[in-house]
Amino acid sequence: MAHPKRRASSTRRDKRRTHYKATQPTVATCPTTGEPHLYHRAYWLEGKLYYKGQVIMEKE
């Protein structure tokens, strides 16, 4: 297996990584409540946990 002869400097490493950018997460709007939330994530609203427009759990 090939190994580098010299250690790559942090500057060289960081130059290579400049193309990786953080993107903003996609936000969906719930059809039932109209609340914005992250895709594929459950969210709390007024003591109820919603997922895919349905109540999954309620706070006691």
PDB file of N, CA and C in Angstrom:
ATOM      1  N   MET A   1       0.848  -1.176   0.000  1.00  0.00           N
ATOM      2  CA  MET A   1       0.000   0.000   0.000  1.00  0.00           C
ATOM      3  C   MET A   1       0.896   1.243   0.000  1.00  0.00           C
ATOM      4  N   ALA A   2       0.581   2.210  -0.832  1.00  0.00           N
ATOM      5  CA  ALA A   2       1.403   3.404  -0.965  1.00  0.00           C
ATOM      6  C   ALA A   2       1.226   4.342   0.222  1.00  0.00           C
ATOM      7  N   HIS A   3       2.355   4.915   0.669  1.00  0.00           N
ATOM      8  CA  HIS A   3       2.341   5.892   1.746  1.00  0.00           C
ATOM      9  C   HIS A   3       3.047   7.151   1.263  1.00  0.00           C
ATOM     10  N   PRO A   4       2.620   8.317   1.752  1.00  0.00           N
ATOM     11  CA  PRO A   4       3.314   9.535   1.352  1.00  0.00           C
ATOM     12  C   PRO A   4       4.726   9.583   1.928  1.00  0.00           C
ATOM     13  N   LYS A   5       5.667  10.084   1.127  1.00  0.00           N
ATOM     14  CA  LYS A   5       7.062  10.172   1.586  1.00  0.00           C
ATOM     15  C   LYS A   5       7.229  11.313   2.592  1.00  0.00           C
ATOM     16  N   ARG A   6       6.478  12.404   2.377  1.00  0.00           N
ATOM     17  CA  ARG A   6       6.536  13.554   3.279  1.00  0.00           C
ATOM     18  C   ARG A   6       5.129  13.865   3.793  1.00  0.00           C
ATOM     19  N   ARG A   7       5.108  14.435   4.976  1.00  0.00           N
ATOM     20  CA  ARG A   7       3.827  14.825   5.562  1.00  0.00           C
ATOM     21  C   ARG A   7       3.274  16.033   4.816  1.00  0.00           C
ATOM     22  N   ALA A   8       1.988  15.999   4.473  1.00  0.00           N
ATOM     23  CA  ALA A   8       1.337  17.143   3.810  1.00  0.00           C
ATOM     24  C   ALA A   8       1.120  18.239   4.839  1.00  0.00           C
ATOM     25  N   SER A   9       1.483  19.465   4.490  1.00  0.00           N
ATOM     26  CA  SER A   9       1.339  20.579   5.426  1.00  0.00           C
ATOM     27  C   SER A   9      -0.139  20.917   5.628  1.00  0.00           C
ATOM     28  N   SER A  10      -0.421  21.619   6.716  1.00  0.00           N
ATOM     29  CA  SER A  10      -1.811  21.995   6.993  1.00  0.00           C
ATOM     30  C   SER A  10      -2.337  22.951   5.929  1.00  0.00           C
ATOM     31  N   THR A  11      -1.472  23.778   5.382  1.00  0.00           N
ATOM     32  CA  THR A  11      -1.903  24.700   4.323  1.00  0.00           C
ATOM     33  C   THR A  11      -2.322  23.930   3.087  1.00  0.00           C
ATOM     34  N   ARG A  12      -1.517  22.966   2.691  1.00  0.00           N
ATOM     35  CA  ARG A  12      -1.838  22.151   1.512  1.00  0.00           C
ATOM     36  C   ARG A  12      -3.126  21.357   1.735  1.00  0.00           C
ATOM     37  N   ARG A  13      -3.270  20.809   2.933  1.00  0.00           N
ATOM     38  CA  ARG A  13      -4.479  20.054   3.270  1.00  0.00           C
ATOM     39  C   ARG A  13      -5.709  20.957   3.199  1.00  0.00           C
ATOM     40  N   ASP A  14      -5.601  22.156   3.767  1.00  0.00           N
ATOM     41  CA  ASP A  14      -6.737  23.071   3.795  1.00  0.00           C
ATOM     42  C   ASP A  14      -7.094  23.579   2.408  1.00  0.00           C
ATOM     43  N   LYS A  15      -6.115  23.747   1.542  1.00  0.00           N
ATOM     44  CA  LYS A  15      -6.396  24.147   0.156  1.00  0.00           C
ATOM     45  C   LYS A  15      -7.249  23.095  -0.536  1.00  0.00           C
ATOM     46  N   ARG A  16      -6.945  21.845  -0.279  1.00  0.00           N
ATOM     47  CA  ARG A  16      -7.684  20.750  -0.893  1.00  0.00           C
ATOM     48  C   ARG A  16      -9.121  20.704  -0.388  1.00  0.00           C
ATOM     49  N   ARG A  17      -9.317  21.132   0.832  1.00  0.00           N
ATOM     50  CA  ARG A  17     -10.651  21.043   1.440  1.00  0.00           C
ATOM     51  C   ARG A  17     -11.510  22.290   1.241  1.00  0.00           C
ATOM     52  N   THR A  18     -11.060  23.254   0.458  1.00  0.00           N
ATOM     53  CA  THR A  18     -11.824  24.492   0.304  1.00  0.00           C
ATOM     54  C   THR A  18     -13.134  24.286  -0.436  1.00  0.00           C
ATOM     55  N   HIS A  19     -13.265  23.207  -1.171  1.00  0.00           N
ATOM     56  CA  HIS A  19     -14.464  22.999  -1.979  1.00  0.00           C
ATOM     57  C   HIS A  19     -15.612  22.382  -1.188  1.00  0.00           C
ATOM     58  N   TYR A  20     -15.335  21.908   0.033  1.00  0.00           N
ATOM     59  CA  TYR A  20     -16.392  21.351   0.859  1.00  0.00           C
ATOM     60  C   TYR A  20     -17.074  22.502   1.583  1.00  0.00           C
ATOM     61  N   LYS A  21     -18.340  22.710   1.294  1.00  0.00           N
ATOM     62  CA  LYS A  21     -19.056  23.834   1.890  1.00  0.00           C
ATOM     63  C   LYS A  21     -20.262  23.325   2.666  1.00  0.00           C
ATOM     64  N   ALA A  22     -20.534  23.974   3.749  1.00  0.00           N
ATOM     65  CA  ALA A  22     -21.737  23.652   4.509  1.00  0.00           C
ATOM     66  C   ALA A  22     -22.931  24.286   3.800  1.00  0.00           C
ATOM     67  N   THR A  23     -23.984  23.520   3.651  1.00  0.00           N
ATOM     68  CA  THR A  23     -25.191  24.042   3.012  1.00  0.00           C
ATOM     69  C   THR A  23     -26.275  24.196   4.070  1.00  0.00           C
ATOM     70  N   GLN A  24     -27.206  25.069   3.802  1.00  0.00           N
ATOM     71  CA  GLN A  24     -28.304  25.258   4.736  1.00  0.00           C
ATOM     72  C   GLN A  24     -29.222  24.045   4.679  1.00  0.00           C
ATOM     73  N   PRO A  25     -29.733  23.603   5.832  1.00  0.00           N
ATOM     74  CA  PRO A  25     -30.645  22.461   5.824  1.00  0.00           C
ATOM     75  C   PRO A  25     -31.957  22.825   5.145  1.00  0.00           C
ATOM     76  N   THR A  26     -32.541  21.854   4.471  1.00  0.00           N
ATOM     77  CA  THR A  26     -33.809  22.056   3.776  1.00  0.00           C
ATOM     78  C   THR A  26     -34.943  22.047   4.796  1.00  0.00           C
ATOM     79  N   VAL A  27     -35.795  23.024   4.711  1.00  0.00           N
ATOM     80  CA  VAL A  27     -36.899  23.159   5.661  1.00  0.00           C
ATOM     81  C   VAL A  27     -38.210  22.852   4.952  1.00  0.00           C
ATOM     82  N   ALA A  28     -39.023  22.026   5.597  1.00  0.00           N
ATOM     83  CA  ALA A  28     -40.338  21.665   5.066  1.00  0.00           C
ATOM     84  C   ALA A  28     -41.413  22.373   5.884  1.00  0.00           C
ATOM     85  N   THR A  29     -42.587  22.472   5.330  1.00  0.00           N
ATOM     86  CA  THR A  29     -43.735  23.031   6.041  1.00  0.00           C
ATOM     87  C   THR A  29     -44.750  21.918   6.243  1.00  0.00           C
ATOM     88  N   CYS A  30     -45.162  21.724   7.482  1.00  0.00           N
ATOM     89  CA  CYS A  30     -46.108  20.656   7.805  1.00  0.00           C
ATOM     90  C   CYS A  30     -47.478  20.988   7.208  1.00  0.00           C
ATOM     91  N   PRO A  31     -48.090  20.047   6.496  1.00  0.00           N
ATOM     92  CA  PRO A  31     -49.418  20.311   5.919  1.00  0.00           C
ATOM     93  C   PRO A  31     -50.518  20.430   6.976  1.00  0.00           C
ATOM     94  N   THR A  32     -50.331  19.790   8.134  1.00  0.00           N
ATOM     95  CA  THR A  32     -51.348  19.801   9.186  1.00  0.00           C
ATOM     96  C   THR A  32     -51.295  21.070  10.017  1.00  0.00           C
ATOM     97  N   THR A  33     -50.083  21.423  10.499  1.00  0.00           N
ATOM     98  CA  THR A  33     -49.945  22.553  11.413  1.00  0.00           C
ATOM     99  C   THR A  33     -49.412  23.818  10.756  1.00  0.00           C
ATOM    100  N   GLY A  34     -48.787  23.679   9.614  1.00  0.00           N
ATOM    101  CA  GLY A  34     -48.206  24.828   8.930  1.00  0.00           C
ATOM    102  C   GLY A  34     -46.875  25.276   9.514  1.00  0.00           C
ATOM    103  N   GLU A  35     -46.301  24.486  10.406  1.00  0.00           N
ATOM    104  CA  GLU A  35     -45.035  24.823  11.056  1.00  0.00           C
ATOM    105  C   GLU A  35     -43.855  24.423  10.186  1.00  0.00           C
ATOM    106  N   PRO A  36     -42.839  25.265  10.098  1.00  0.00           N
ATOM    107  CA  PRO A  36     -41.620  24.853   9.398  1.00  0.00           C
ATOM    108  C   PRO A  36     -40.794  23.904  10.275  1.00  0.00           C
ATOM    109  N   HIS A  37     -40.210  22.875   9.657  1.00  0.00           N
ATOM    110  CA  HIS A  37     -39.389  21.907  10.385  1.00  0.00           C
ATOM    111  C   HIS A  37     -38.415  21.253   9.412  1.00  0.00           C
ATOM    112  N   LEU A  38     -37.411  20.570   9.952  1.00  0.00           N
ATOM    113  CA  LEU A  38     -36.449  19.871   9.111  1.00  0.00           C
ATOM    114  C   LEU A  38     -37.093  18.619   8.524  1.00  0.00           C
ATOM    115  N   TYR A  39     -36.706  18.297   7.293  1.00  0.00           N
ATOM    116  CA  TYR A  39     -37.209  17.084   6.645  1.00  0.00           C
ATOM    117  C   TYR A  39     -36.829  15.849   7.456  1.00  0.00           C
ATOM    118  N   HIS A  40     -37.701  14.862   7.511  1.00  0.00           N
ATOM    119  CA  HIS A  40     -37.470  13.575   8.163  1.00  0.00           C
ATOM    120  C   HIS A  40     -37.169  13.725   9.652  1.00  0.00           C
ATOM    121  N   ARG A  41     -37.716  14.747  10.285  1.00  0.00           N
ATOM    122  CA  ARG A  41     -37.517  14.952  11.714  1.00  0.00           C
ATOM    123  C   ARG A  41     -38.861  15.233  12.371  1.00  0.00           C
ATOM    124  N   ALA A  42     -39.049  14.690  13.550  1.00  0.00           N
ATOM    125  CA  ALA A  42     -40.236  15.010  14.334  1.00  0.00           C
ATOM    126  C   ALA A  42     -40.006  16.352  15.021  1.00  0.00           C
ATOM    127  N   TYR A  43     -41.089  17.061  15.352  1.00  0.00           N
ATOM    128  CA  TYR A  43     -40.953  18.362  16.010  1.00  0.00           C
ATOM    129  C   TYR A  43     -42.077  18.550  17.017  1.00  0.00           C
ATOM    130  N   TRP A  44     -41.772  19.332  18.061  1.00  0.00           N
ATOM    131  CA  TRP A  44     -42.735  19.611  19.119  1.00  0.00           C
ATOM    132  C   TRP A  44     -43.523  20.876  18.787  1.00  0.00           C
ATOM    133  N   LEU A  45     -44.811  20.847  19.047  1.00  0.00           N
ATOM    134  CA  LEU A  45     -45.667  22.019  18.904  1.00  0.00           C
ATOM    135  C   LEU A  45     -46.784  21.917  19.926  1.00  0.00           C
ATOM    136  N   GLU A  46     -46.809  22.876  20.842  1.00  0.00           N
ATOM    137  CA  GLU A  46     -47.840  22.957  21.876  1.00  0.00           C
ATOM    138  C   GLU A  46     -47.982  21.645  22.657  1.00  0.00           C
ATOM    139  N   GLY A  47     -46.863  21.062  23.045  1.00  0.00           N
ATOM    140  CA  GLY A  47     -46.884  19.862  23.877  1.00  0.00           C
ATOM    141  C   GLY A  47     -47.149  18.572  23.126  1.00  0.00           C
ATOM    142  N   LYS A  48     -47.168  18.609  21.803  1.00  0.00           N
ATOM    143  CA  LYS A  48     -47.396  17.409  21.006  1.00  0.00           C
ATOM    144  C   LYS A  48     -46.228  17.210  20.047  1.00  0.00           C
ATOM    145  N   LEU A  49     -45.856  15.955  19.845  1.00  0.00           N
ATOM    146  CA  LEU A  49     -44.782  15.614  18.933  1.00  0.00           C
ATOM    147  C   LEU A  49     -45.389  15.182  17.608  1.00  0.00           C
ATOM    148  N   TYR A  50     -45.066  15.918  16.537  1.00  0.00           N
ATOM    149  CA  TYR A  50     -45.611  15.636  15.225  1.00  0.00           C
ATOM    150  C   TYR A  50     -44.558  15.006  14.322  1.00  0.00           C
ATOM    151  N   TYR A  51     -44.977  14.073  13.474  1.00  0.00           N
ATOM    152  CA  TYR A  51     -44.121  13.503  12.437  1.00  0.00           C
ATOM    153  C   TYR A  51     -45.014  13.085  11.281  1.00  0.00           C
ATOM    154  N   LYS A  52     -44.676  13.543  10.099  1.00  0.00           N
ATOM    155  CA  LYS A  52     -45.461  13.281   8.885  1.00  0.00           C
ATOM    156  C   LYS A  52     -46.913  13.724   9.050  1.00  0.00           C
ATOM    157  N   GLY A  53     -47.123  14.842   9.749  1.00  0.00           N
ATOM    158  CA  GLY A  53     -48.454  15.411   9.894  1.00  0.00           C
ATOM    159  C   GLY A  53     -49.325  14.734  10.928  1.00  0.00           C
ATOM    160  N   GLN A  54     -48.785  13.771  11.660  1.00  0.00           N
ATOM    161  CA  GLN A  54     -49.576  13.064  12.656  1.00  0.00           C
ATOM    162  C   GLN A  54     -48.968  13.243  14.040  1.00  0.00           C
ATOM    163  N   VAL A  55     -49.831  13.201  15.066  1.00  0.00           N
ATOM    164  CA  VAL A  55     -49.363  13.306  16.442  1.00  0.00           C
ATOM    165  C   VAL A  55     -48.785  11.950  16.842  1.00  0.00           C
ATOM    166  N   ILE A  56     -47.531  11.964  17.262  1.00  0.00           N
ATOM    167  CA  ILE A  56     -46.852  10.724  17.662  1.00  0.00           C
ATOM    168  C   ILE A  56     -46.934  10.533  19.171  1.00  0.00           C
ATOM    169  N   MET A  57     -46.771  11.643  19.917  1.00  0.00           N
ATOM    170  CA  MET A  57     -46.712  11.562  21.365  1.00  0.00           C
ATOM    171  C   MET A  57     -47.163  12.882  21.945  1.00  0.00           C
ATOM    172  N   GLU A  58     -47.707  12.828  23.155  1.00  0.00           N
ATOM    173  CA  GLU A  58     -48.098  14.045  23.864  1.00  0.00           C
ATOM    174  C   GLU A  58     -47.338  14.122  25.182  1.00  0.00           C
ATOM    175  N   LYS A  59     -46.980  15.348  25.590  1.00  0.00           N
ATOM    176  CA  LYS A  59     -46.329  15.542  26.901  1.00  0.00           C
ATOM    177  C   LYS A  59     -47.361  15.346  27.987  1.00  0.00           C
ATOM    178  N   GLU A  60     -46.894  14.819  29.079  1.00  0.00           N
ATOM    179  CA  GLU A  60     -47.816  14.606  30.202  1.00  0.00           C
ATOM    180  C   GLU A  60     -47.777  15.750  31.170  1.00  0.00           C
TER     181      GLU A  60
END
